[in-house]
Protein backbone atom coordinates (compact mmCIF):
# COMPACT_ATOMS: atom_id res chain seq x y z
CA MET A 1 98.83 87.51 87.91
CA ARG A 2 95.26 87.41 86.58
CA ALA A 3 92.79 90.16 85.24
CA LEU A 4 90.09 90.99 87.70
CA VAL A 5 86.89 91.95 86.08
CA VAL A 6 84.24 94.60 87.50
CA ASN A 7 80.95 94.09 85.56
CA PRO A 8 78.29 96.79 86.82
CA ILE A 9 74.93 95.27 86.77
CA GLU A 10 73.31 98.79 86.97
CA PRO A 11 74.39 102.41 86.60
CA LEU A 12 77.44 102.89 89.43
CA SER A 13 77.43 105.94 91.95
CA LEU A 14 80.89 106.99 91.65
CA SER A 15 81.75 110.43 93.25
CA ALA A 16 84.93 112.49 93.24
CA THR A 17 83.36 114.79 96.05
CA PRO A 18 81.27 114.32 99.32
CA VAL A 19 77.80 113.88 99.53
CA THR A 20 76.34 117.52 99.69
CA GLY A 21 73.11 118.87 100.43
CA ILE A 22 70.81 120.31 97.52
CA ASP A 23 70.96 123.82 98.60
CA LEU A 24 71.51 126.52 95.76
CA PHE A 25 75.29 126.24 95.75
CA SER A 26 75.53 122.35 96.60
CA HIS A 27 77.50 120.16 94.20
CA VAL A 28 78.40 116.67 93.28
CA LYS A 29 81.12 115.68 90.86
CA GLY A 30 80.61 112.11 89.55
CA LEU A 31 83.78 109.77 88.63
CA SER A 32 84.06 107.81 85.38
CA THR A 33 85.74 104.71 86.91
CA PRO A 34 86.03 103.75 90.44
CA LEU A 35 88.49 104.80 92.78
CA PRO A 36 91.40 102.25 93.82
CA THR A 37 90.06 102.78 97.58
CA THR A 38 86.35 101.84 96.14
CA LEU A 39 87.70 98.73 94.27
CA VAL A 40 89.55 97.59 97.68
CA GLY A 41 86.69 98.44 99.56
CA ALA A 42 84.53 96.13 97.63
CA LEU A 43 87.36 93.31 97.60
CA GLY A 44 87.22 93.64 101.41
CA ALA A 45 83.52 93.19 101.28
CA LEU A 46 83.82 90.20 99.14
CA LEU A 47 86.24 88.44 101.17
CA GLY A 48 84.32 89.51 104.61
CA ILE A 49 87.14 91.25 106.09
CA GLN A 50 86.23 93.19 109.32
CA LEU A 51 88.31 96.45 109.76
CA SER A 52 89.03 97.56 113.45
CA SER A 53 91.05 100.69 113.08
CA PRO A 54 89.60 104.01 114.41
CA ASP A 55 91.40 106.02 111.79
CA SER A 56 90.63 106.18 108.01
CA LEU A 57 94.29 106.13 106.94
CA GLY A 58 94.88 103.11 109.42
CA GLY A 59 91.91 101.14 108.30
CA LEU A 60 92.96 101.39 104.37
CA ILE A 61 96.28 100.03 105.63
CA GLU A 62 94.62 97.46 107.47
CA LEU A 63 92.24 96.68 104.60
CA VAL A 64 95.32 96.63 102.22
CA ASN A 65 96.94 93.95 104.35
CA GLU A 66 94.17 91.78 104.84
CA ILE A 67 93.39 91.37 101.22
CA ARG A 68 97.44 90.70 100.64
CA GLN A 69 97.24 88.11 103.08
CA ARG A 70 94.13 86.15 102.27
CA LEU A 71 94.66 86.35 98.65
CA SER A 72 98.41 86.06 98.63
CA CYS A 73 99.45 89.02 96.75
CA GLY A 74 102.44 90.81 95.97
CA GLU A 75 103.50 94.55 96.87
CA VAL A 76 101.50 95.73 94.21
CA ILE A 77 97.99 94.13 94.57
CA VAL A 78 95.86 95.97 91.87
CA LYS A 79 96.47 98.08 88.65
CA GLY A 80 94.32 99.55 86.23
CA PRO A 81 91.62 99.98 85.03
CA LEU A 82 91.53 99.37 81.39
CA VAL A 83 88.05 99.67 79.99
CA TYR A 84 86.15 97.86 77.57
CA PHE A 85 82.61 98.74 76.40
CA GLU A 86 79.74 96.82 75.33
CA ILE A 87 77.72 98.42 72.90
CA SER A 88 75.36 95.61 71.38
CA ASN A 89 74.83 92.14 71.26
CA LYS A 90 78.20 91.26 73.23
CA GLU A 91 79.96 93.52 70.91
CA PHE A 92 83.07 94.84 72.92
CA ILE A 93 85.39 97.50 71.89
CA GLY A 94 88.70 98.32 73.88
CA PRO A 95 90.65 98.59 75.63
CA THR A 96 90.25 102.28 76.28
CA ILE A 97 91.60 104.40 78.76
CA PRO A 98 90.15 107.65 80.35
CA VAL A 99 90.93 110.70 79.22
CA HIS A 100 89.95 113.82 81.16
CA PRO A 101 87.45 114.55 82.01
CA THR A 102 84.45 112.73 80.22
CA ARG A 103 86.08 110.77 77.35
CA PHE A 104 87.80 107.23 76.70
CA TYR A 105 89.94 106.69 74.04
CA LYS A 106 91.78 103.50 72.58
CA ILE A 107 95.43 103.96 73.37
CA ASP A 108 96.74 104.55 69.98
CA CYS A 109 95.00 107.55 69.31
CA ILE A 110 97.16 109.49 71.76
CA VAL A 111 99.87 110.46 69.23
CA LYS A 112 103.08 112.58 69.09
CA SER A 113 102.09 116.01 67.59
CA ARG A 114 103.62 119.56 67.13
CA ALA A 115 101.84 120.34 70.74
CA GLY A 116 103.81 117.48 72.05
CA TYR A 117 100.96 114.63 72.48
CA SER A 118 97.32 115.21 71.27
CA ILE A 119 94.39 112.85 70.41
CA SER A 120 94.62 112.06 67.05
CA ASP A 121 92.48 113.35 64.15
CA GLU A 122 91.95 110.30 62.89
CA CYS A 123 90.23 108.80 66.08
CA ARG A 124 86.44 109.39 65.20
CA GLU A 125 85.26 106.60 67.47
CA TYR A 126 85.15 107.22 71.62
CA PHE A 127 82.91 106.55 74.66
CA GLU A 128 81.48 109.66 76.60
CA TYR A 129 80.69 109.56 80.20
CA THR A 130 77.47 111.40 80.95
CA PRO A 131 76.77 111.58 84.81
CA GLY A 132 73.33 112.06 85.77
CA VAL A 133 72.74 113.90 89.09
CA PHE A 134 69.68 112.82 91.40
CA VAL A 135 68.51 113.49 94.85
CA GLY A 136 68.15 111.10 97.58
CA ILE A 137 66.88 111.21 101.20
CA ALA A 138 68.03 110.10 104.32
CA LEU A 139 65.77 107.79 106.43
CA LYS A 140 65.46 106.75 109.95
CA ARG A 141 63.69 103.42 111.02
CA LYS A 142 61.26 104.03 113.93
CA GLY A 143 62.13 101.48 116.59
CA PRO A 144 63.85 98.13 115.72
CA SER A 145 60.90 96.68 113.30
CA GLY A 146 59.07 100.06 112.79
CA GLU A 147 58.61 102.13 109.82
CA LYS A 148 61.23 104.26 108.11
CA LEU A 149 60.68 107.85 108.27
CA VAL A 150 62.39 110.90 106.33
CA ILE A 151 65.13 112.70 108.55
CA PRO A 152 64.28 116.46 108.18
CA GLY A 153 66.53 118.16 105.88
CA PHE A 154 68.82 115.17 105.26
CA THR A 155 68.51 115.29 101.31
CA TYR A 156 71.75 115.05 99.21
CA ARG A 157 72.70 114.95 95.67
CA TYR A 158 74.44 111.69 94.14
CA PRO A 159 75.59 111.05 90.85
CA LEU A 160 74.86 107.77 88.54
CA GLY A 161 77.38 106.79 85.36
CA PHE A 162 75.62 106.40 81.90
CA TYR A 163 78.10 106.10 78.88
CA LYS A 164 77.62 106.16 75.29
CA TYR A 165 79.23 105.11 72.38
CA ILE A 166 80.01 107.92 69.37
CA ARG A 167 81.51 107.65 66.12
CA GLU A 168 81.94 110.98 64.37
CA THR A 169 82.01 110.92 60.25
CA ASN A 170 82.44 113.85 58.17
CA SER A 171 78.60 114.37 57.39
CA LYS A 172 77.29 113.01 60.99
CA SER A 173 77.46 111.63 64.33
CA GLU A 174 76.40 107.88 65.38
CA SER A 175 75.55 107.59 69.24
CA LYS A 176 74.38 104.42 70.90
CA PRO A 177 74.09 103.30 74.71
CA ALA A 178 77.13 101.41 76.16
CA LYS A 179 77.92 99.44 78.99
CA PRO A 180 81.48 99.58 80.60
CA LEU A 181 83.55 96.53 81.80
CA PHE A 182 86.20 97.68 84.10
CA ILE A 183 89.35 95.33 83.90
CA TYR A 184 92.23 95.45 86.22
CA MET A 185 95.54 93.62 86.76
CA ILE A 186 95.43 91.36 90.35
CA ASN A 187 98.77 90.43 91.20
CA CYS A 188 97.33 87.49 93.64
CA GLU A 189 97.86 83.79 93.65
CA LYS A 190 94.27 82.74 94.51
CA PRO A 191 91.17 83.47 91.98
CA LEU A 192 88.02 85.23 92.74
CA GLU A 193 84.75 83.33 91.98
CA LYS A 194 81.95 85.42 90.22
CA THR A 195 80.25 87.32 93.03
CA ILE A 196 77.91 90.15 92.81
CA VAL A 197 79.37 93.07 95.31
CA ARG A 198 78.01 96.25 96.26
CA ILE A 199 80.63 98.93 94.83
CA GLY A 200 80.19 102.74 95.56
CA GLY A 201 77.49 104.80 96.90
CA GLU A 202 73.81 104.07 97.28
CA GLY A 203 73.94 100.43 97.10
CA ARG A 204 74.90 100.00 93.36
CA VAL A 205 76.11 96.14 92.78
CA ALA A 206 78.41 95.03 90.05
CA GLU A 207 79.55 91.44 89.27
CA ILE A 208 83.41 90.73 90.54
CA TYR A 209 85.72 87.91 89.59
CA THR A 210 88.98 86.93 88.30
CA SER A 211 89.96 85.34 84.39
CA ASP A 212 92.79 84.04 83.19
CA GLU A 213 92.06 85.23 79.67
CA GLU A 214 95.58 85.40 77.65
CA LEU A 215 94.48 88.39 75.79
CA LEU A 216 93.47 90.39 78.70
CA ILE A 217 96.53 89.60 80.86
CA LYS A 218 98.83 90.77 77.80
CA GLN A 219 97.20 93.88 77.62
CA LEU A 220 97.51 94.25 81.52
CA ASN A 221 100.99 93.49 81.57
CA LEU A 222 101.77 96.96 79.75
CA LEU A 223 100.76 98.67 83.11
CA LYS A 224 103.02 99.85 85.56
CA SER A 225 103.09 101.03 89.08
CA PRO A 226 105.34 103.74 90.50
CA LEU A 227 106.68 101.07 92.87
CA GLU A 228 107.97 99.00 90.02
CA LEU A 229 108.83 101.59 87.19
CA GLY A 230 111.98 100.37 85.44
CA GLU A 231 112.15 101.93 81.77
CA ASN A 232 112.22 105.85 81.32
CA GLY A 233 109.54 107.51 78.88
CA ALA A 234 106.54 108.73 78.40
CA TYR A 235 103.46 107.35 80.17
CA ILE A 236 99.85 108.28 80.39
CA ALA A 237 98.01 107.88 83.66
CA VAL A 238 94.96 105.35 83.65
CA SER A 239 93.99 106.32 87.53
CA PRO A 240 94.59 109.65 89.77
CA ILE A 241 98.12 110.35 90.23
CA PRO A 242 98.06 111.37 94.18
CA LEU A 243 99.69 114.63 95.56
CA ILE A 244 100.15 115.66 99.02
CA ALA A 245 100.64 119.44 99.45
CA GLU A 246 103.62 120.69 101.76
CA LYS A 247 101.93 123.68 102.27
CA LYS A 248 98.26 124.54 103.04
CA ASP A 249 98.51 127.29 100.39
CA THR A 250 99.86 125.51 97.57
CA LEU A 251 99.49 126.69 94.37
CA TYR A 252 102.52 125.12 92.32
CA LEU A 253 103.35 121.26 91.65
CA ASP A 254 107.11 122.27 92.88
CA ALA A 255 105.21 122.33 96.27
CA VAL A 256 104.04 118.83 96.28
CA LYS A 257 104.85 115.35 97.34
CA GLY A 258 104.08 112.46 94.48
CA LEU A 259 105.93 113.28 91.75
CA GLU A 260 109.07 111.78 92.76
CA PHE A 261 109.20 109.32 89.67
CA CYS A 262 108.36 111.80 87.10
CA SER A 263 111.07 114.04 85.32
CA SER A 264 108.37 116.42 83.77
CA ILE A 265 104.42 116.66 83.70
CA ILE A 266 103.28 117.09 79.84
CA GLY A 267 99.30 117.25 80.94
CA VAL A 268 96.18 115.98 79.42
CA PRO A 269 96.20 115.61 75.47
CA GLN A 270 93.75 117.87 73.77
CA SER A 271 92.25 117.37 70.42
CA GLY A 272 93.83 119.11 67.26
CA SER A 273 96.78 121.46 67.56
CA ARG A 274 95.86 122.45 71.33
CA GLN A 275 98.77 122.03 73.85
CA PRO A 276 98.36 119.65 76.55
CA LYS A 277 96.48 120.82 79.34
CA LEU A 278 97.94 120.50 83.31
CA ILE A 279 95.03 119.94 85.53
CA VAL A 280 95.10 119.09 89.34
CA GLU A 281 92.00 118.15 90.82
CA ARG A 282 90.87 117.72 94.67
CA LEU A 283 89.60 114.14 95.27
CA GLY A 284 87.89 112.52 98.29
CA LEU A 285 89.10 109.45 99.19
CA GLY A 286 85.64 107.44 100.09
CA TYR A 287 83.98 106.79 103.35
CA TYR A 288 85.23 104.57 105.85
CA GLU A 289 82.34 102.69 107.34
CA VAL A 290 83.99 101.27 110.53
CA ALA A 291 84.25 104.74 112.03
CA ARG A 292 81.56 106.39 109.70
CA ILE A 293 83.84 108.91 108.62
CA ARG A 294 85.08 110.35 105.41
CA ARG A 295 88.77 109.66 104.18
CA PRO A 296 90.81 112.84 103.73
CA GLN A 297 90.53 114.76 100.44
CA ILE A 298 93.81 114.90 98.55
CA LEU A 299 95.28 116.57 95.17
CA VAL A 300 95.66 114.38 92.15
CA LEU A 301 96.75 114.54 88.34
CA PRO A 302 93.35 113.03 86.69
CA PRO A 303 93.75 109.94 84.45
CA GLY A 304 94.51 110.82 80.81
CA THR A 305 97.65 112.99 82.21
CA ILE A 306 100.82 112.23 80.43
CA VAL A 307 104.03 112.29 82.34
CA GLU A 308 107.94 111.54 81.54
CA VAL A 309 109.15 108.90 83.99
CA LYS A 310 112.61 108.65 85.19
CA SER A 311 114.42 106.08 86.85
CA THR A 312 113.93 106.34 90.94
CA ASP A 313 114.89 104.41 93.93
CA LYS A 314 112.32 102.57 96.31
CA SER A 315 112.24 105.23 99.27
CA VAL A 316 108.61 105.89 98.88
CA ILE A 317 106.81 107.20 102.14
CA GLU A 318 104.34 104.81 103.48
CA VAL A 319 100.91 106.55 102.43
CA PHE A 320 102.03 106.84 98.75
CA ARG A 321 103.46 102.94 99.09
CA VAL A 322 99.53 102.01 100.04
CA LEU A 323 98.10 104.14 97.81
CA TYR A 324 100.25 103.01 94.74
CA SER A 325 99.75 99.43 95.94
CA ILE A 326 96.04 99.43 95.42
CA GLY A 327 96.21 101.13 91.86
CA PHE A 328 96.79 104.98 92.34
CA ALA A 329 98.93 106.32 89.61
CA THR A 330 98.66 103.28 87.44
CA LEU A 331 100.60 104.01 84.14
CA HIS A 332 100.66 102.84 80.21
CA PRO A 333 103.40 103.31 78.33
CA LEU A 334 103.23 105.80 75.12
CA HIS A 335 105.24 104.79 71.86
């Protein structure tokens, strides 16, 4: 096992929803961390993998199998992320985890309370994700070597992720820019040299490489996948927990698949004495470039959701087995 480091060179464009127009009702929602599908897409590009499946899910399965073969990976390829932040002069703070919707806290900030679990009042230091939304235009080249022209009507919104460090005291609040470093566990034998790869949308890039740093690996070893859970107890999700509705008009969690490893859903911890909040979101699984189509949208419990885990067998349907193997539903234990 190694640490997989994703170091953005510039603000990344990570979106939970499909690209939209700029009319009055258009909407785009940014993501504070890369989706697992985004990460394995970047790994596929780094390895030069060429896919052939016309189906988006078939293409994802093909991609996962190719990565597993080329890097000699186990069943669970990736888990994470834990997030470190650089605030000044190579000063790093972490690891932190995303707690819905925009904040990152150190894991020991999540404590037992009368509400069940909450964010400790003593945690006055955290990081905040503040997406900027920008307008893009679609271009088309006039002829093989002609000039590029704007395609009429093809404008859209896209997010760029910005982060800041916040430290609160009794009298004031300190704020400064911060730069994220996304750290994953990668369960593969072959290392990856430092390479600049496109990740997410808008041609944004990051350095990706593996590290054998012992401290990182020690922290990453705490992360668990639903495919390898062995100890019951409370865990907090550091990546989205995927759900599939059994009916089109599903409104309740007892009518979805994907929670077979959970005995109860506690929710996203809040500050003070407020009860954890149960949140279900709709999430797009990204763009499949081979067929130039979007992958389907699914329901998820967002990062920061606390669940009680129970022992479960290994009979996981294929779509969940694939999603779990690339990092969906990564869990960190709470003590």
